């Protein structure tokens, strides 16, 4: 299992990978929640994205309060789903 939190000037990336033997046990939801808590957002809401084909990430985002906003194509022509999450 690996976790990276990368800060850029205009955005933050939370990247995580869960070994296949540990998938489906809720670790992804915990990792995202802890990552969001660590960032300590000053904004009331922010966007989070995942590929349309990544079913596990869609579930993880929804479990952490993500509300579907729109679909967008990225530069590689992949469809990304955009969600809004409100800080607590």
Protein backbone atom coordinates (compact mmCIF):
# COMPACT_ATOMS: atom_id res chain seq x y z
CA UNK A 1 0.00 0.00 0.00
CA UNK A 2 1.38 3.40 -0.87
CA UNK A 3 0.15 6.92 -0.19
CA UNK A 4 1.41 10.24 -1.52
CA UNK A 5 0.14 13.71 -0.78
CA UNK A 6 1.60 16.20 -3.22
CA UNK A 7 1.14 19.94 -2.79
CA UNK A 8 1.27 22.25 -5.79
CA UNK A 9 0.75 25.98 -5.85
CA UNK A 10 -2.84 25.76 -7.16
CA UNK A 11 -3.89 22.25 -6.32
CA UNK A 12 -3.20 19.20 -4.16
CA UNK A 13 -3.05 15.60 -5.30
CA UNK A 14 -3.79 12.67 -2.99
CA UNK A 15 -2.55 9.53 -4.69
CA UNK A 16 -3.02 6.10 -3.23
CA UNK A 17 -2.59 2.54 -4.38
CA UNK A 18 -3.90 -0.51 -2.56
CA UNK A 19 -2.53 -3.98 -3.18
CA UNK A 20 -5.09 -6.29 -4.73
CA UNK A 21 -5.19 -8.57 -1.68
CA UNK A 22 -6.28 -5.61 0.50
CA UNK A 23 -8.83 -4.09 -1.89
CA UNK A 24 -12.48 -4.02 -0.85
CA UNK A 25 -11.69 -3.72 2.87
CA UNK A 26 -12.38 0.01 3.23
CA UNK A 27 -8.73 1.11 3.29
CA UNK A 28 -9.19 3.48 0.33
CA UNK A 29 -11.98 5.35 2.12
CA UNK A 30 -9.85 5.62 5.26
CA UNK A 31 -6.82 6.84 3.28
CA UNK A 32 -8.83 9.54 1.49
CA UNK A 33 -10.48 10.69 4.73
CA UNK A 34 -7.13 10.91 6.54
CA UNK A 35 -5.58 12.72 3.57
CA UNK A 36 -8.39 15.25 3.50
CA UNK A 37 -8.10 15.74 7.27
CA UNK A 38 -4.32 16.26 7.00
CA UNK A 39 -4.66 18.94 4.34
CA UNK A 40 -6.82 21.08 6.67
CA UNK A 41 -8.73 22.95 3.99
CA UNK A 42 -9.49 26.62 4.38
CA UNK A 43 -11.93 26.48 1.48
CA UNK A 44 -15.52 25.41 2.11
CA UNK A 45 -15.61 23.18 -0.95
CA UNK A 46 -13.20 21.65 -3.42
CA UNK A 47 -13.16 19.35 -6.43
CA UNK A 48 -11.95 15.78 -6.60
CA UNK A 49 -11.70 13.70 -9.78
CA UNK A 50 -11.29 10.12 -10.92
CA UNK A 51 -11.41 8.26 -14.20
CA UNK A 52 -14.89 7.22 -15.26
CA UNK A 53 -13.70 3.60 -15.46
CA UNK A 54 -12.37 3.54 -11.88
CA UNK A 55 -15.36 2.11 -10.02
CA UNK A 56 -13.49 1.74 -6.72
CA UNK A 57 -12.47 5.42 -6.67
CA UNK A 58 -16.02 6.50 -7.45
CA UNK A 59 -17.22 4.54 -4.39
CA UNK A 60 -14.44 5.94 -2.20
CA UNK A 61 -15.23 9.53 -3.23
CA UNK A 62 -18.96 9.01 -2.62
CA UNK A 63 -18.27 7.44 0.78
CA UNK A 64 -16.32 10.59 1.73
CA UNK A 65 -19.18 12.92 0.78
CA UNK A 66 -18.38 13.56 -2.88
CA UNK A 67 -21.29 14.91 -4.93
CA UNK A 68 -21.12 14.30 -8.68
CA UNK A 69 -20.75 17.53 -10.63
CA UNK A 70 -19.76 16.78 -14.25
CA UNK A 71 -17.77 14.73 -16.74
CA UNK A 72 -14.68 16.17 -18.46
CA UNK A 73 -12.24 14.86 -21.03
CA UNK A 74 -8.58 15.25 -20.14
CA UNK A 75 -5.68 15.81 -22.53
CA UNK A 76 -5.40 12.04 -23.15
CA UNK A 77 -9.12 11.95 -24.09
CA UNK A 78 -9.92 9.97 -20.94
CA UNK A 79 -13.21 10.83 -19.28
CA UNK A 80 -12.81 12.15 -15.75
CA UNK A 81 -15.66 12.47 -13.29
CA UNK A 82 -15.62 15.63 -11.21
CA UNK A 83 -17.07 15.67 -7.71
CA UNK A 84 -17.49 18.39 -5.12
CA UNK A 85 -16.60 17.70 -1.50
CA UNK A 86 -17.49 20.16 1.25
CA UNK A 87 -15.07 20.61 4.15
CA UNK A 88 -16.33 19.89 7.64
